[in-house]
Amino acid sequence: MHEAAVQAADKPAISRAVEALANETTILWNTVFPYLKGVGLAILYLVIGLIAIALIKRVLKRALSHSKKLEANAASFLLSTIDISLKVLLMIGIVSTLGIETSSIVAVLGAASLSIGIALQGSLSNFAAGVMLLIFRPFRVNDYIELNGIAGKVVDMNIFSTILNMHDNKKVVIPNSKLTGDSLINYSGNETRRIEIDVAVDYQSDIELVKRVLMQVITSHPKVLPEPAPLARLAKLGQSSMDFAVRAWVRTPDWYETLLDLNEMIKKALDSHKISIPYPHVTIVQKKTD
């Protein structure tokens, strides 16, 4: 009788304990489940998003590789920019699925971007200039360019700087902001280029003979183009010489070698026809004194 009474008295206590445990479990589940659900959805979105970004990059890379108007550097930069932009958007979307306010994140990112922009103002200007160079392409790798007296062959281009090799094999690193902010000469920008040589001869020389000799030299060189037609004309009457203008068009890669050849050939031709080239000289008159 006593044991039965104790068991009867314990039943309400056990029931209350079970009920309390059930309530705690329900509260815990209602609290944790939305969070677990959000985490699960975030992981799912992350996986799907990364796969989608990889597919987009693959399609764009294949399309850009067949583009003849876009250089490899520009294509690589464009793909990197798209990749980073898509991943940033993906992360913002994932954060929003977790119930976090994205407006505060955007505000923090904006403030951080402003601070970084002020600290890296020079680098950002070079970055922006690099983007402009890749888009408008005033020059390409292997072009010969000149900027503020510095001339060389472009061996590498990146987002922040351009690297030149000078004729004596010195390497020059030029910030991209300089290339977009100053006047730039691209000697390789066109397929053809004109050679300009000024030849001074003595006033005693026959004009027609000089023109004929110069034209024979120009037209005999195999790398001089027939069109536009070469030219050899009297351009200036100087103080001590007649100055003839020699003009000839060649393919841009042949310009320097042909220039040297023509200089040598003109001097030899003038010598063979006894046409003298005047040079500065000083006449000393000595006065006799008794």
Protein backbone atom coordinates (compact mmCIF):
# COMPACT_ATOMS: atom_id res chain seq x y z
CA MET A 1 0.00 0.00 0.00
CA HIS A 2 2.79 2.41 0.89
CA GLU A 3 4.77 1.67 -2.33
CA ALA A 4 1.66 2.14 -4.45
CA ALA A 5 1.03 5.49 -2.80
CA VAL A 6 4.65 6.60 -3.48
CA GLN A 7 4.40 5.55 -7.14
CA ALA A 8 1.11 7.41 -7.46
CA ALA A 9 2.73 10.48 -5.92
CA ASP A 10 5.79 10.25 -8.28
CA LYS A 11 3.73 10.05 -11.48
CA PRO A 12 2.79 13.76 -11.51
CA ALA A 13 6.43 14.68 -10.85
CA ILE A 14 7.69 12.50 -13.72
CA SER A 15 5.03 13.85 -16.01
CA ARG A 16 6.00 17.40 -15.15
CA ALA A 17 9.66 16.61 -15.80
CA VAL A 18 8.87 15.02 -19.17
CA GLU A 19 6.65 17.88 -20.08
CA ALA A 20 9.31 20.42 -19.08
CA LEU A 21 11.90 18.54 -21.13
CA ALA A 22 9.57 18.47 -24.10
CA ASN A 23 8.95 22.18 -23.77
CA GLU A 24 12.68 22.93 -23.58
CA THR A 25 13.30 20.74 -26.61
CA THR A 26 10.56 22.50 -28.54
CA ILE A 27 11.92 25.92 -27.61
CA LEU A 28 15.46 24.85 -28.54
CA TRP A 29 14.28 23.39 -31.84
CA ASN A 30 12.27 26.49 -32.68
CA THR A 31 15.34 28.60 -31.93
CA VAL A 32 17.99 26.48 -33.63
CA PHE A 33 16.04 25.16 -36.61
CA PRO A 34 15.65 28.50 -38.41
CA TYR A 35 19.37 29.09 -37.95
CA LEU A 36 20.25 25.61 -39.19
CA LYS A 37 17.86 26.09 -42.05
CA GLY A 38 19.54 29.36 -42.96
CA VAL A 39 23.01 27.79 -42.74
CA GLY A 40 21.90 24.89 -44.90
CA LEU A 41 20.42 27.21 -47.50
CA ALA A 42 23.55 29.37 -47.39
CA ILE A 43 25.77 26.34 -48.05
CA LEU A 44 23.47 25.22 -50.84
CA TYR A 45 23.47 28.69 -52.41
CA LEU A 46 27.26 28.86 -52.07
CA VAL A 47 27.79 25.57 -53.90
CA ILE A 48 25.28 26.40 -56.63
CA GLY A 49 26.65 29.93 -56.97
CA LEU A 50 30.27 28.82 -57.29
CA ILE A 51 29.31 26.23 -59.90
CA ALA A 52 27.34 28.86 -61.84
CA ILE A 53 30.24 31.36 -61.66
CA ALA A 54 32.66 28.69 -62.91
CA LEU A 55 30.35 27.91 -65.84
CA ILE A 56 29.96 31.61 -66.68
CA LYS A 57 33.73 32.09 -66.60
CA ARG A 58 34.25 29.06 -68.85
CA VAL A 59 31.75 30.33 -71.41
CA LEU A 60 33.19 33.85 -71.35
CA LYS A 61 36.76 32.59 -71.60
CA ARG A 62 35.87 30.50 -74.64
CA ALA A 63 34.09 33.46 -76.25
CA LEU A 64 36.92 35.90 -75.52
CA SER A 65 39.57 33.50 -76.80
CA HIS A 66 37.93 33.65 -80.23
CA SER A 67 37.77 37.44 -80.21
CA LYS A 68 40.37 39.03 -82.48
CA LYS A 69 39.72 42.53 -81.13
CA LEU A 70 40.62 41.74 -77.52
CA GLU A 71 44.16 41.10 -76.33
CA ALA A 72 45.07 38.35 -73.88
CA ASN A 73 45.83 40.89 -71.12
CA ALA A 74 42.47 42.60 -71.54
CA ALA A 75 40.62 39.27 -71.63
CA SER A 76 42.35 38.06 -68.47
CA PHE A 77 41.60 41.30 -66.63
CA LEU A 78 37.98 41.23 -67.75
CA LEU A 79 37.51 37.66 -66.56
CA SER A 80 39.10 38.46 -63.20
CA THR A 81 36.87 41.49 -62.73
CA ILE A 82 33.72 39.52 -63.58
CA ASP A 83 34.78 36.68 -61.29
CA ILE A 84 35.38 38.98 -58.32
CA SER A 85 32.15 40.94 -58.92
CA LEU A 86 30.02 37.78 -59.13
CA LYS A 87 31.58 36.34 -55.98
CA VAL A 88 30.96 39.56 -54.05
CA LEU A 89 27.30 39.53 -55.13
CA LEU A 90 27.08 35.85 -54.16
CA MET A 91 28.46 36.52 -50.68
CA ILE A 92 26.02 39.40 -50.13
CA GLY A 93 23.14 37.12 -51.16
CA ILE A 94 24.35 34.36 -48.81
CA VAL A 95 24.62 36.79 -45.92
CA SER A 96 21.05 37.94 -46.52
CA THR A 97 19.80 34.32 -46.29
CA LEU A 98 21.26 34.15 -42.78
CA GLY A 99 19.02 37.02 -41.72
CA ILE A 100 21.82 39.56 -41.47
CA GLU A 101 21.00 43.07 -42.68
CA THR A 102 22.96 43.67 -45.87
CA SER A 103 22.53 47.44 -45.67
CA SER A 104 24.92 47.61 -42.73
CA ILE A 105 27.43 45.43 -44.58
CA VAL A 106 27.21 47.66 -47.64
CA ALA A 107 27.74 50.72 -45.43
CA VAL A 108 30.80 49.13 -43.82
CA LEU A 109 32.17 48.15 -47.23
CA GLY A 110 31.59 51.68 -48.50
CA ALA A 111 33.43 53.22 -45.55
CA ALA A 112 36.27 50.73 -45.91
CA SER A 113 36.48 51.40 -49.65
CA LEU A 114 36.69 55.14 -49.00
CA SER A 115 39.48 54.70 -46.47
CA ILE A 116 41.39 52.35 -48.72
CA GLY A 117 40.85 54.66 -51.68
CA ILE A 118 42.35 57.62 -49.81
CA ALA A 119 45.31 55.54 -48.64
CA LEU A 120 45.93 54.02 -52.08
CA GLN A 121 45.04 57.01 -54.23
CA GLY A 122 48.10 56.66 -56.47
CA SER A 123 47.65 52.92 -56.94
CA LEU A 124 43.96 53.35 -57.74
CA SER A 125 44.74 55.99 -60.34
CA ASN A 126 47.22 53.56 -61.92
CA PHE A 127 44.56 50.86 -61.77
CA ALA A 128 41.99 53.07 -63.50
CA ALA A 129 44.59 54.05 -66.10
CA GLY A 130 45.40 50.38 -66.66
CA VAL A 131 41.73 49.68 -67.36
CA MET A 132 41.66 52.56 -69.86
CA LEU A 133 44.79 51.25 -71.59
CA LEU A 134 43.31 47.78 -71.89
CA ILE A 135 40.06 49.15 -73.30
CA PHE A 136 41.38 51.76 -75.75
CA ARG A 137 44.74 50.06 -76.49
CA PRO A 138 46.93 53.01 -77.59
CA PHE A 139 49.76 50.47 -77.77
CA ARG A 140 50.34 46.75 -77.47
CA VAL A 141 53.04 44.40 -76.29
CA ASN A 142 56.08 44.56 -78.64
CA ASP A 143 55.23 48.11 -79.78
CA TYR A 144 58.00 50.72 -79.64
CA ILE A 145 56.77 53.80 -77.75
CA GLU A 146 58.17 57.03 -76.34
CA LEU A 147 57.01 59.05 -73.35
CA ASN A 148 58.73 62.19 -72.05
CA GLY A 149 62.03 61.25 -73.68
CA ILE A 150 61.90 57.61 -72.55
CA ALA A 151 61.67 55.23 -75.50
CA GLY A 152 61.60 51.46 -75.57
CA LYS A 153 59.84 48.28 -76.58
CA VAL A 154 56.78 47.28 -74.54
CA VAL A 155 57.52 43.88 -72.99
CA ASP A 156 54.74 43.67 -70.42
CA MET A 157 51.49 45.40 -69.46
CA ASN A 158 49.58 44.97 -66.23
CA ILE A 159 46.91 46.83 -64.33
CA PHE A 160 49.30 49.12 -62.45
CA SER A 161 52.32 49.63 -64.71
CA THR A 162 53.88 49.08 -68.12
CA ILE A 163 57.41 47.73 -68.59
CA LEU A 164 59.69 48.86 -71.41
CA ASN A 165 63.04 47.55 -72.61
CA MET A 166 65.21 50.38 -73.92
CA HIS A 167 67.56 49.95 -76.87
CA ASP A 168 70.49 49.32 -74.50
CA ASN A 169 68.43 46.65 -72.66
CA LYS A 170 67.61 48.77 -69.63
CA LYS A 171 64.23 47.98 -68.08
CA VAL A 172 61.92 50.90 -67.37
CA VAL A 173 58.74 50.60 -65.28
CA ILE A 174 56.23 53.36 -66.06
CA PRO A 175 53.08 53.87 -63.93
CA ASN A 176 49.99 53.60 -66.09
CA SER A 177 48.71 56.99 -64.94
CA LYS A 178 51.71 58.58 -66.70
CA LEU A 179 50.83 56.82 -69.96
CA THR A 180 47.26 58.15 -69.96
CA GLY A 181 48.10 61.60 -68.60
CA ASP A 182 50.94 62.62 -70.96
CA SER A 183 51.48 62.68 -74.72
CA LEU A 184 52.53 59.27 -76.01
CA ILE A 185 54.32 58.43 -79.27
CA ASN A 186 53.72 54.96 -80.68
CA TYR A 187 56.29 54.30 -83.40
CA SER A 188 54.75 50.89 -84.13
CA GLY A 189 51.14 52.05 -84.29
CA ASN A 190 50.92 51.95 -88.10
CA GLU A 191 52.04 49.36 -90.61
CA THR A 192 54.26 51.79 -92.54
CA ARG A 193 56.54 54.63 -91.54
CA ARG A 194 58.36 57.38 -93.42
CA ILE A 195 62.13 57.82 -93.46
CA GLU A 196 63.26 61.46 -93.43
CA ILE A 197 66.85 62.33 -94.35
CA ASP A 198 68.16 65.85 -95.00
CA VAL A 199 71.16 66.00 -97.31
CA ALA A 200 73.27 69.16 -97.58
CA VAL A 201 75.43 69.69 -100.69
CA ASP A 202 77.72 72.40 -101.94
CA TYR A 203 76.26 75.35 -103.87
CA GLN A 204 78.46 74.44 -106.82
CA SER A 205 76.60 71.14 -107.25
CA ASP A 206 74.13 70.57 -110.09
CA ILE A 207 70.62 70.39 -108.67
CA GLU A 208 69.26 67.95 -111.25
CA LEU A 209 72.25 65.67 -110.82
CA VAL A 210 71.84 65.62 -107.04
CA LYS A 211 68.11 64.81 -107.36
CA ARG A 212 68.83 62.02 -109.84
CA VAL A 213 71.53 60.48 -107.67
CA LEU A 214 69.36 60.58 -104.55
CA MET A 215 66.37 59.05 -106.35
CA GLN A 216 68.56 56.25 -107.74
CA VAL A 217 69.72 55.44 -104.21
CA ILE A 218 66.19 55.44 -102.77
CA THR A 219 64.54 53.37 -105.49
CA SER A 220 67.36 50.81 -105.54
CA HIS A 221 66.77 49.77 -101.93
CA PRO A 222 64.59 46.63 -101.81
CA LYS A 223 62.73 47.64 -98.66
CA VAL A 224 61.60 51.05 -99.87
CA LEU A 225 57.93 50.92 -100.85
CA PRO A 226 56.83 52.18 -104.29
CA GLU A 227 53.70 53.73 -102.78
CA PRO A 228 53.62 56.37 -101.45
CA ALA A 229 56.24 57.43 -103.99
CA PRO A 230 59.69 58.35 -102.65
CA LEU A 231 60.85 61.94 -102.87
CA ALA A 232 64.15 63.82 -103.34
CA ARG A 233 63.76 67.60 -103.74
CA LEU A 234 65.59 70.78 -102.89
CA ALA A 235 63.94 71.90 -99.66
CA LYS A 236 66.05 74.79 -98.37
CA LEU A 237 68.77 77.19 -99.37
CA GLY A 238 71.00 77.41 -96.34
CA GLN A 239 73.80 79.82 -95.51
CA SER A 240 76.50 77.50 -96.81
CA SER A 241 74.64 74.60 -98.46
CA MET A 242 71.66 73.48 -100.50
CA ASP A 243 69.54 71.19 -98.35
CA PHE A 244 67.69 68.34 -100.08
CA ALA A 245 64.79 66.48 -98.47
CA VAL A 246 64.86 62.71 -98.95
CA ARG A 247 61.62 60.92 -98.08
CA ALA A 248 60.85 57.21 -98.42
CA TRP A 249 58.17 54.89 -96.99
CA VAL A 250 58.97 51.47 -95.56
CA ARG A 251 57.29 48.84 -93.41
CA THR A 252 57.54 49.85 -89.76
CA PRO A 253 59.76 46.87 -88.71
CA ASP A 254 62.23 47.81 -91.50
CA TRP A 255 62.46 51.51 -90.63
CA TYR A 256 65.68 51.70 -88.61
CA GLU A 257 67.70 49.26 -90.71
CA THR A 258 66.65 50.97 -93.94
CA LEU A 259 67.51 54.39 -92.49
CA LEU A 260 71.07 53.27 -91.77
CA ASP A 261 71.38 51.68 -95.21
CA LEU A 262 70.22 54.82 -97.01
CA ASN A 263 72.60 57.06 -95.08
CA GLU A 264 75.55 54.92 -96.13
CA MET A 265 74.35 54.54 -99.72
CA ILE A 266 73.75 58.30 -100.13
CA LYS A 267 77.23 59.18 -98.91
CA LYS A 268 78.87 56.65 -101.25
CA ALA A 269 76.76 57.81 -104.22
CA LEU A 270 77.59 61.48 -103.64
CA ASP A 271 81.29 60.66 -103.38
CA SER A 272 81.23 58.64 -106.58
CA HIS A 273 79.67 61.59 -108.47
CA LYS A 274 82.10 64.13 -106.93
CA ILE A 275 79.27 65.92 -105.11
CA SER A 276 80.72 67.52 -102.01
CA ILE A 277 79.03 67.90 -98.66
CA PRO A 278 79.94 71.23 -97.05
CA TYR A 279 81.05 71.34 -93.46
CA PRO A 280 81.75 74.23 -91.12
CA HIS A 281 85.23 75.65 -91.51
CA VAL A 282 87.12 78.64 -90.22
CA THR A 283 89.31 80.85 -92.39
CA ILE A 284 92.09 82.61 -90.48
CA VAL A 285 93.41 85.82 -92.02
CA GLN A 286 96.70 86.91 -90.58
CA LYS A 287 97.46 90.59 -91.00
CA LYS A 288 101.08 91.48 -91.67
CA THR A 289 102.53 94.16 -89.48
CA ASP A 290 105.77 96.00 -90.14
